[in-house]
N, C-alpha and C. Protein backbone atom coordinates (compact mmCIF):
# COMPACT_ATOMS: atom_id res chain seq x y z
N MET A 1 104.68 -158.93 -52.39
CA MET A 1 104.13 -158.02 -53.08
C MET A 1 102.61 -157.79 -52.65
N ALA A 2 102.26 -156.64 -52.42
CA ALA A 2 100.83 -156.45 -51.85
C ALA A 2 99.83 -156.36 -53.07
N HIS A 3 98.71 -156.82 -52.84
CA HIS A 3 97.59 -156.72 -53.87
C HIS A 3 96.54 -156.07 -53.25
N VAL A 4 95.73 -155.44 -54.20
CA VAL A 4 94.48 -154.81 -53.80
C VAL A 4 93.47 -155.89 -53.36
N PRO A 5 92.79 -155.75 -52.21
CA PRO A 5 91.92 -156.86 -51.77
C PRO A 5 90.80 -157.14 -52.78
N GLN A 6 90.54 -158.40 -52.91
CA GLN A 6 89.49 -158.77 -53.89
C GLN A 6 88.21 -158.49 -53.07
N ILE A 7 87.16 -158.31 -54.01
CA ILE A 7 85.70 -158.25 -53.49
C ILE A 7 84.88 -159.23 -54.14
N LYS A 8 83.85 -159.68 -53.52
CA LYS A 8 82.90 -160.67 -53.97
C LYS A 8 81.58 -159.92 -54.13
N ILE A 9 81.08 -159.92 -55.17
CA ILE A 9 79.67 -159.24 -55.61
C ILE A 9 78.70 -160.38 -56.13
N PRO A 10 77.71 -160.70 -55.48
CA PRO A 10 76.65 -161.52 -56.03
C PRO A 10 76.15 -161.11 -57.43
N ALA A 11 76.14 -161.96 -58.28
CA ALA A 11 75.53 -161.55 -59.65
C ALA A 11 74.95 -162.85 -60.33
N THR A 12 74.23 -162.66 -61.38
CA THR A 12 73.51 -163.59 -62.04
C THR A 12 73.83 -163.43 -63.51
N TYR A 13 74.24 -164.39 -64.28
CA TYR A 13 74.26 -164.23 -65.76
C TYR A 13 73.06 -164.93 -66.33
N MET A 14 72.21 -163.94 -66.97
CA MET A 14 70.94 -164.52 -67.50
C MET A 14 70.72 -164.02 -68.94
N ARG A 15 69.94 -164.93 -69.60
CA ARG A 15 69.39 -164.69 -70.89
C ARG A 15 68.10 -164.19 -70.84
N GLY A 16 67.72 -163.17 -71.65
CA GLY A 16 66.31 -162.70 -71.79
C GLY A 16 66.30 -162.41 -73.41
N GLY A 17 65.36 -163.20 -73.97
CA GLY A 17 65.17 -163.14 -75.41
C GLY A 17 66.49 -163.50 -76.05
N THR A 18 66.95 -162.70 -77.09
CA THR A 18 68.16 -162.98 -77.68
C THR A 18 69.48 -162.41 -77.03
N SER A 19 69.29 -161.73 -75.93
CA SER A 19 70.47 -161.07 -75.20
C SER A 19 70.83 -161.89 -73.92
N LYS A 20 72.07 -161.57 -73.45
CA LYS A 20 72.52 -162.17 -72.12
C LYS A 20 73.20 -160.88 -71.46
N GLY A 21 73.01 -160.93 -70.22
CA GLY A 21 73.62 -159.91 -69.40
C GLY A 21 73.89 -160.27 -68.03
N VAL A 22 74.70 -159.49 -67.24
CA VAL A 22 75.01 -159.67 -65.87
C VAL A 22 74.00 -158.93 -65.13
N PHE A 23 73.21 -159.57 -64.12
CA PHE A 23 72.26 -158.93 -63.35
C PHE A 23 72.87 -158.83 -61.90
N PHE A 24 72.51 -157.65 -61.20
CA PHE A 24 72.98 -157.37 -59.99
C PHE A 24 71.84 -156.73 -59.10
N ARG A 25 71.69 -157.05 -57.89
CA ARG A 25 70.86 -156.24 -56.84
C ARG A 25 71.65 -155.12 -56.47
N LEU A 26 71.07 -153.91 -56.55
CA LEU A 26 71.78 -152.70 -56.21
C LEU A 26 72.45 -152.70 -54.90
N GLN A 27 71.77 -153.29 -53.84
CA GLN A 27 72.17 -153.45 -52.43
C GLN A 27 73.39 -154.33 -52.37
N ASP A 28 73.78 -155.14 -53.36
CA ASP A 28 74.97 -155.95 -53.24
C ASP A 28 76.14 -155.40 -53.88
N LEU A 29 75.95 -154.14 -54.44
CA LEU A 29 77.14 -153.43 -55.09
C LEU A 29 77.83 -152.72 -53.97
N PRO A 30 79.31 -152.49 -54.22
CA PRO A 30 79.86 -151.77 -53.26
C PRO A 30 79.23 -150.33 -53.03
N ALA A 31 79.40 -149.66 -51.97
CA ALA A 31 78.72 -148.45 -51.79
C ALA A 31 78.95 -147.39 -52.80
N SER A 32 80.20 -147.51 -53.30
CA SER A 32 80.67 -146.47 -54.27
C SER A 32 79.91 -146.60 -55.63
N ALA A 33 79.33 -147.83 -55.93
CA ALA A 33 78.84 -148.33 -57.05
C ALA A 33 77.35 -148.30 -57.00
N GLN A 34 76.77 -147.98 -55.77
CA GLN A 34 75.31 -148.02 -55.69
C GLN A 34 74.77 -146.73 -55.94
N VAL A 35 75.59 -145.70 -56.52
CA VAL A 35 75.13 -144.39 -57.16
C VAL A 35 75.62 -144.25 -58.53
N PRO A 36 74.95 -143.55 -59.33
CA PRO A 36 75.58 -143.21 -60.64
C PRO A 36 76.81 -142.71 -60.57
N GLY A 37 77.71 -142.95 -61.52
CA GLY A 37 79.01 -142.34 -61.69
C GLY A 37 80.16 -143.27 -62.08
N ALA A 38 81.36 -142.73 -61.97
CA ALA A 38 82.57 -143.36 -62.41
C ALA A 38 82.80 -144.66 -61.74
N ALA A 39 82.50 -144.86 -60.40
CA ALA A 39 82.82 -146.03 -59.79
C ALA A 39 81.97 -147.10 -60.17
N ARG A 40 80.67 -146.86 -60.50
CA ARG A 40 79.72 -147.85 -60.88
C ARG A 40 80.03 -148.46 -62.42
N ASP A 41 80.38 -147.37 -63.25
CA ASP A 41 80.87 -147.66 -64.61
C ASP A 41 82.17 -148.60 -64.67
N ALA A 42 83.11 -148.11 -63.85
CA ALA A 42 84.38 -148.89 -63.76
C ALA A 42 84.04 -150.26 -63.33
N LEU A 43 83.22 -150.50 -62.34
CA LEU A 43 82.89 -151.85 -61.84
C LEU A 43 82.36 -152.68 -62.93
N LEU A 44 81.30 -152.15 -63.72
CA LEU A 44 80.74 -152.81 -64.78
C LEU A 44 81.62 -153.27 -65.94
N LEU A 45 82.41 -152.13 -66.19
CA LEU A 45 83.37 -152.40 -67.42
C LEU A 45 84.21 -153.60 -67.02
N ARG A 46 84.70 -153.67 -65.77
CA ARG A 46 85.63 -154.76 -65.28
C ARG A 46 84.98 -155.97 -65.20
N VAL A 47 83.64 -156.12 -65.03
CA VAL A 47 82.82 -157.38 -64.96
C VAL A 47 82.61 -157.80 -66.34
N ILE A 48 82.32 -157.00 -67.21
CA ILE A 48 82.18 -157.36 -68.63
C ILE A 48 83.44 -157.69 -69.42
N GLY A 49 84.51 -157.03 -68.90
CA GLY A 49 85.81 -157.29 -69.61
C GLY A 49 86.05 -156.25 -70.70
N SER A 50 85.62 -155.00 -70.42
CA SER A 50 85.79 -153.91 -71.42
C SER A 50 86.65 -152.77 -70.69
N PRO A 51 87.44 -152.08 -71.49
CA PRO A 51 87.56 -152.09 -72.94
C PRO A 51 88.51 -153.07 -73.29
N ASP A 52 88.25 -153.75 -74.43
CA ASP A 52 89.15 -154.85 -74.96
C ASP A 52 89.48 -154.42 -76.45
N PRO A 53 90.65 -153.91 -76.71
CA PRO A 53 91.03 -153.58 -77.95
C PRO A 53 91.02 -154.64 -79.08
N TYR A 54 90.88 -155.99 -78.52
CA TYR A 54 90.86 -156.92 -79.49
C TYR A 54 89.40 -157.49 -79.73
N GLY A 55 88.54 -156.88 -78.88
CA GLY A 55 87.01 -157.13 -79.14
C GLY A 55 86.70 -158.43 -78.84
N LYS A 56 87.32 -159.21 -77.84
CA LYS A 56 86.90 -160.53 -77.39
C LYS A 56 86.30 -160.72 -76.07
N GLN A 57 86.52 -159.57 -75.25
CA GLN A 57 86.06 -159.72 -73.84
C GLN A 57 86.52 -161.04 -73.11
N ILE A 58 87.66 -161.53 -73.25
CA ILE A 58 88.13 -162.87 -72.63
C ILE A 58 88.22 -162.64 -71.15
N ASP A 59 88.59 -161.49 -70.68
CA ASP A 59 88.71 -161.23 -69.38
C ASP A 59 87.43 -160.63 -68.66
N GLY A 60 86.29 -161.18 -68.99
CA GLY A 60 85.09 -160.76 -68.40
C GLY A 60 83.85 -161.51 -68.86
N MET A 61 82.81 -161.23 -68.36
CA MET A 61 81.51 -161.97 -68.80
C MET A 61 80.97 -161.53 -70.03
N GLY A 62 81.33 -160.58 -70.66
CA GLY A 62 80.93 -160.02 -72.02
C GLY A 62 81.15 -161.13 -73.03
N GLY A 63 80.23 -161.25 -73.92
CA GLY A 63 80.34 -162.19 -75.08
C GLY A 63 80.87 -161.57 -76.41
N ALA A 64 81.49 -160.45 -76.47
CA ALA A 64 82.01 -159.86 -77.59
C ALA A 64 81.13 -159.48 -78.61
N THR A 65 79.79 -159.37 -78.28
CA THR A 65 78.79 -158.88 -79.18
C THR A 65 77.92 -157.86 -78.42
N SER A 66 77.23 -156.93 -79.07
CA SER A 66 76.37 -155.96 -78.43
C SER A 66 75.28 -156.64 -77.71
N SER A 67 74.83 -157.78 -78.07
CA SER A 67 73.76 -158.37 -77.49
C SER A 67 74.18 -159.22 -76.24
N THR A 68 75.36 -159.34 -75.97
CA THR A 68 75.94 -160.04 -74.77
C THR A 68 77.02 -159.30 -73.89
N SER A 69 76.99 -157.90 -74.19
CA SER A 69 77.70 -156.99 -73.47
C SER A 69 76.84 -156.11 -72.57
N LYS A 70 76.19 -156.62 -71.77
CA LYS A 70 75.03 -155.84 -70.95
C LYS A 70 74.88 -156.04 -69.59
N THR A 71 74.58 -155.08 -68.82
CA THR A 71 74.41 -155.32 -67.42
C THR A 71 72.96 -154.73 -66.96
N VAL A 72 72.48 -155.18 -65.83
CA VAL A 72 71.21 -154.87 -65.41
C VAL A 72 71.41 -154.58 -63.78
N ILE A 73 70.92 -153.63 -63.24
CA ILE A 73 70.96 -153.39 -61.75
C ILE A 73 69.45 -153.16 -61.41
N LEU A 74 68.98 -154.04 -60.40
CA LEU A 74 67.66 -154.01 -59.82
C LEU A 74 67.67 -153.61 -58.29
N SER A 75 66.53 -152.90 -57.93
CA SER A 75 66.34 -152.63 -56.56
C SER A 75 65.05 -152.64 -56.13
N LYS A 76 64.59 -152.69 -54.97
CA LYS A 76 63.08 -152.46 -54.56
C LYS A 76 62.78 -151.13 -55.07
N SER A 77 61.54 -150.90 -55.64
CA SER A 77 61.34 -149.65 -56.23
C SER A 77 61.07 -148.57 -55.31
N SER A 78 61.46 -147.38 -55.72
CA SER A 78 61.34 -146.25 -55.04
C SER A 78 59.82 -145.37 -55.51
N LYS A 79 59.42 -146.13 -56.50
CA LYS A 79 58.13 -145.42 -56.97
C LYS A 79 56.85 -146.15 -56.57
N PRO A 80 55.91 -145.38 -56.33
CA PRO A 80 54.62 -146.02 -55.81
C PRO A 80 53.90 -147.05 -56.80
N ASP A 81 53.40 -148.09 -56.46
CA ASP A 81 52.65 -149.18 -57.42
C ASP A 81 53.76 -149.77 -58.27
N HIS A 82 54.87 -149.85 -57.96
CA HIS A 82 55.96 -150.64 -58.65
C HIS A 82 56.70 -151.51 -57.67
N ASP A 83 57.12 -152.74 -58.14
CA ASP A 83 57.83 -153.68 -57.43
C ASP A 83 59.49 -153.28 -57.25
N VAL A 84 59.93 -153.14 -58.57
CA VAL A 84 61.49 -153.07 -58.77
C VAL A 84 61.65 -151.81 -59.69
N ASP A 85 62.86 -151.15 -59.48
CA ASP A 85 63.56 -150.26 -60.33
C ASP A 85 64.50 -151.04 -61.06
N TYR A 86 64.58 -150.91 -62.38
CA TYR A 86 65.49 -151.45 -63.40
C TYR A 86 66.37 -150.42 -64.08
N LEU A 87 67.54 -150.75 -64.05
CA LEU A 87 68.58 -149.83 -64.68
C LEU A 87 69.32 -150.78 -65.66
N PHE A 88 69.41 -150.23 -66.92
CA PHE A 88 70.10 -151.15 -67.95
C PHE A 88 71.19 -150.35 -68.39
N GLY A 89 72.48 -150.99 -68.43
CA GLY A 89 73.74 -150.53 -68.90
C GLY A 89 74.21 -151.32 -70.10
N GLN A 90 74.40 -150.70 -71.27
CA GLN A 90 74.92 -151.34 -72.55
C GLN A 90 76.42 -150.96 -72.40
N VAL A 91 77.22 -151.94 -72.20
CA VAL A 91 78.77 -151.82 -72.18
C VAL A 91 79.44 -151.85 -73.45
N SER A 92 80.19 -150.83 -73.72
CA SER A 92 80.88 -150.83 -75.04
C SER A 92 81.94 -152.01 -74.79
N ILE A 93 82.35 -152.66 -76.07
CA ILE A 93 83.28 -153.63 -76.10
C ILE A 93 84.60 -153.11 -76.17
N ASP A 94 84.93 -152.06 -77.09
CA ASP A 94 86.37 -151.59 -77.25
C ASP A 94 86.72 -150.34 -76.61
N THR A 95 85.76 -149.65 -76.01
CA THR A 95 86.01 -148.39 -75.27
C THR A 95 85.42 -148.46 -73.88
N ALA A 96 86.01 -147.54 -73.07
CA ALA A 96 85.59 -147.47 -71.62
C ALA A 96 84.37 -146.67 -71.49
N PHE A 97 83.06 -147.21 -71.88
CA PHE A 97 81.84 -146.51 -71.97
C PHE A 97 80.73 -147.46 -71.51
N VAL A 98 79.88 -146.90 -70.72
CA VAL A 98 78.52 -147.66 -70.45
C VAL A 98 77.48 -146.60 -70.79
N ASP A 99 76.52 -147.08 -71.72
CA ASP A 99 75.50 -146.21 -72.19
C ASP A 99 74.35 -146.49 -71.23
N TRP A 100 73.80 -145.59 -70.53
CA TRP A 100 72.69 -145.58 -69.72
C TRP A 100 71.40 -144.93 -70.26
N SER A 101 71.53 -144.74 -71.55
CA SER A 101 70.38 -143.84 -72.10
C SER A 101 69.14 -144.72 -72.66
N GLY A 102 69.26 -145.97 -72.71
CA GLY A 102 68.21 -146.78 -73.29
C GLY A 102 67.68 -147.98 -72.53
N ASN A 103 67.13 -148.91 -73.18
CA ASN A 103 66.58 -150.02 -72.54
C ASN A 103 67.01 -151.19 -73.37
N CYS A 104 66.86 -152.46 -72.85
CA CYS A 104 67.07 -153.65 -73.56
C CYS A 104 65.78 -154.42 -73.55
N GLY A 105 64.90 -154.38 -74.61
CA GLY A 105 63.70 -155.14 -74.39
C GLY A 105 63.82 -156.69 -74.26
N ASN A 106 64.91 -157.24 -74.69
CA ASN A 106 65.17 -158.59 -74.41
C ASN A 106 65.54 -158.88 -72.98
N LEU A 107 66.32 -158.07 -72.38
CA LEU A 107 66.60 -158.41 -70.96
C LEU A 107 65.49 -158.03 -70.15
N SER A 108 64.59 -157.11 -70.50
CA SER A 108 63.43 -156.69 -69.83
C SER A 108 62.64 -157.89 -69.47
N ALA A 109 62.72 -158.97 -70.47
CA ALA A 109 62.00 -160.17 -70.23
C ALA A 109 62.37 -160.94 -69.16
N ALA A 110 63.71 -160.81 -68.65
CA ALA A 110 64.25 -161.50 -67.51
C ALA A 110 64.11 -160.83 -66.24
N VAL A 111 63.73 -159.59 -66.27
CA VAL A 111 63.85 -158.73 -64.97
C VAL A 111 62.81 -159.27 -63.98
N GLY A 112 61.71 -159.71 -64.46
CA GLY A 112 60.69 -160.15 -63.51
C GLY A 112 61.18 -161.55 -62.80
N SER A 113 61.66 -162.40 -63.49
CA SER A 113 62.23 -163.72 -63.05
C SER A 113 63.35 -163.37 -61.89
N PHE A 114 64.29 -162.53 -62.39
CA PHE A 114 65.41 -162.25 -61.41
C PHE A 114 64.99 -161.50 -60.15
N ALA A 115 63.98 -160.54 -60.38
CA ALA A 115 63.51 -159.83 -59.12
C ALA A 115 62.85 -160.74 -58.28
N ILE A 116 61.98 -161.77 -58.87
CA ILE A 116 61.47 -162.76 -57.77
C ILE A 116 62.48 -163.52 -57.16
N SER A 117 63.35 -164.18 -57.86
CA SER A 117 64.32 -165.12 -57.48
C SER A 117 65.19 -164.58 -56.38
N SER A 118 65.61 -163.24 -56.57
CA SER A 118 66.53 -162.55 -55.67
C SER A 118 65.66 -161.92 -54.53
N GLY A 119 64.40 -162.08 -54.36
CA GLY A 119 63.80 -161.53 -53.19
C GLY A 119 63.45 -160.11 -53.15
N LEU A 120 63.30 -159.56 -54.40
CA LEU A 120 63.03 -158.03 -54.56
C LEU A 120 61.61 -157.87 -54.60
N VAL A 121 60.71 -158.89 -54.85
CA VAL A 121 59.27 -158.75 -55.03
C VAL A 121 58.73 -159.27 -53.50
N ASP A 122 57.84 -158.52 -52.99
CA ASP A 122 57.23 -158.90 -51.71
C ASP A 122 56.55 -160.28 -51.93
N ALA A 123 56.86 -161.21 -50.96
CA ALA A 123 56.32 -162.67 -51.07
C ALA A 123 54.74 -162.62 -51.10
N ASP A 124 53.90 -161.73 -50.55
CA ASP A 124 52.67 -161.63 -50.46
C ASP A 124 52.01 -161.28 -51.75
N ARG A 125 52.84 -160.90 -52.71
CA ARG A 125 52.38 -160.54 -54.09
C ARG A 125 52.54 -161.74 -55.10
N LEU A 126 53.09 -162.84 -54.61
CA LEU A 126 53.51 -163.92 -55.51
C LEU A 126 52.53 -165.07 -55.24
N PRO A 127 51.99 -165.70 -56.29
CA PRO A 127 51.12 -166.76 -56.26
C PRO A 127 52.08 -168.10 -55.96
N GLN A 128 51.54 -169.02 -55.28
CA GLN A 128 52.29 -170.40 -55.16
C GLN A 128 52.36 -170.97 -56.54
N ASN A 129 51.29 -170.84 -57.36
CA ASN A 129 51.19 -171.51 -58.63
C ASN A 129 50.20 -170.47 -59.41
N GLY A 130 50.81 -170.36 -60.81
CA GLY A 130 50.12 -169.46 -61.71
C GLY A 130 50.94 -168.39 -62.15
N MET A 131 50.50 -167.08 -62.47
CA MET A 131 51.18 -166.17 -62.95
C MET A 131 51.54 -164.91 -62.03
N ALA A 132 52.56 -164.69 -61.66
CA ALA A 132 52.84 -163.43 -60.96
C ALA A 132 53.00 -162.18 -61.88
N THR A 133 52.56 -161.17 -61.39
CA THR A 133 52.84 -159.83 -62.04
C THR A 133 53.74 -158.98 -61.34
N VAL A 134 54.84 -158.59 -62.11
CA VAL A 134 55.81 -157.81 -61.43
C VAL A 134 55.76 -156.42 -62.11
N ARG A 135 55.64 -155.36 -61.22
CA ARG A 135 55.48 -154.04 -61.85
C ARG A 135 56.89 -153.42 -61.72
N VAL A 136 57.46 -153.15 -62.95
CA VAL A 136 58.97 -152.69 -63.13
C VAL A 136 58.96 -151.18 -63.47
N TRP A 137 59.80 -150.39 -62.87
CA TRP A 137 60.16 -149.02 -63.26
C TRP A 137 61.32 -149.17 -64.08
N GLN A 138 61.38 -148.87 -65.29
CA GLN A 138 62.49 -148.81 -66.20
C GLN A 138 63.11 -147.30 -66.07
N ALA A 139 64.00 -147.23 -65.19
CA ALA A 139 64.42 -145.93 -64.82
C ALA A 139 65.20 -145.19 -65.96
N ASN A 140 65.89 -145.93 -66.82
CA ASN A 140 66.54 -145.31 -67.99
C ASN A 140 65.74 -144.52 -68.77
N ILE A 141 64.51 -144.97 -68.98
CA ILE A 141 63.74 -144.28 -70.02
C ILE A 141 62.34 -143.80 -69.42
N GLY A 142 62.24 -144.09 -68.15
CA GLY A 142 61.00 -143.47 -67.37
C GLY A 142 59.63 -144.17 -67.70
N LYS A 143 59.73 -145.41 -68.00
CA LYS A 143 58.52 -146.18 -68.37
C LYS A 143 58.14 -147.40 -67.40
N THR A 144 56.90 -147.72 -67.26
CA THR A 144 56.61 -148.91 -66.55
C THR A 144 56.52 -150.07 -67.49
N ILE A 145 57.05 -151.20 -67.04
CA ILE A 145 56.91 -152.38 -67.67
C ILE A 145 56.24 -153.51 -66.75
N ILE A 146 55.22 -154.14 -67.31
CA ILE A 146 54.48 -155.11 -66.51
C ILE A 146 55.00 -156.50 -67.08
N ALA A 147 55.62 -157.25 -66.11
CA ALA A 147 56.25 -158.62 -66.43
C ALA A 147 55.31 -159.67 -65.80
N HIS A 148 55.03 -160.69 -66.59
CA HIS A 148 54.13 -161.81 -66.21
C HIS A 148 55.02 -163.01 -66.11
N VAL A 149 55.19 -163.45 -64.82
CA VAL A 149 56.21 -164.65 -64.70
C VAL A 149 55.52 -165.74 -64.09
N PRO A 150 55.69 -166.95 -64.79
CA PRO A 150 54.97 -168.15 -64.33
C PRO A 150 55.63 -168.80 -63.12
N MET A 151 54.82 -169.26 -62.20
CA MET A 151 55.37 -169.73 -60.87
C MET A 151 54.87 -171.09 -60.77
N THR A 152 55.56 -172.11 -60.16
CA THR A 152 55.25 -173.37 -59.84
C THR A 152 55.83 -173.74 -58.57
N ASN A 153 54.92 -174.13 -57.57
CA ASN A 153 55.39 -174.41 -56.29
C ASN A 153 56.10 -173.30 -55.56
N GLY A 154 55.80 -172.08 -55.63
CA GLY A 154 56.34 -171.01 -55.17
C GLY A 154 57.77 -170.55 -55.80
N ALA A 155 58.18 -171.13 -56.95
CA ALA A 155 59.37 -170.77 -57.52
C ALA A 155 59.07 -170.30 -58.99
N VAL A 156 60.00 -169.40 -59.50
CA VAL A 156 59.97 -168.95 -60.90
C VAL A 156 60.04 -170.23 -61.78
N GLN A 157 59.15 -170.43 -62.73
CA GLN A 157 59.18 -171.47 -63.70
C GLN A 157 60.05 -171.06 -64.88
N GLU A 158 61.22 -171.48 -65.00
CA GLU A 158 62.06 -170.89 -66.06
C GLU A 158 62.34 -171.77 -67.20
N THR A 159 61.81 -173.07 -67.12
CA THR A 159 61.94 -173.95 -68.27
C THR A 159 60.88 -173.88 -69.29
């Protein structure tokens, strides 16, 4: 019996505030999911485990609540004076739908850390020790977010 080839996509499951989500670098997604549309939504639905008519998301990374059924896609910014572009996708639990119309303030708190750790912020903008400033373009709502990320010995201080 032939099976569809599996693909590997680097991702990070992170907490920001009271929310949890799966974070991706845009460049790591398959080409068809690097642009808005059905392929991107289908991939994120699969990763989160939606739709799940039982509301459990057992077959995915979603946690069966609206605060744990979230995705983030980051890329180097296309905007001047910004470090990263941030897309937020709220994944429905029981229907095949990804809402791209808003933002998650809680996960916004984790965007700077992920951006630095995944190499999306130019190294010359990062202090060895102290506070890094990450300029985030929140593409869903067209707003700038300034994230302040503590750094210790050149690494994000997450504890």
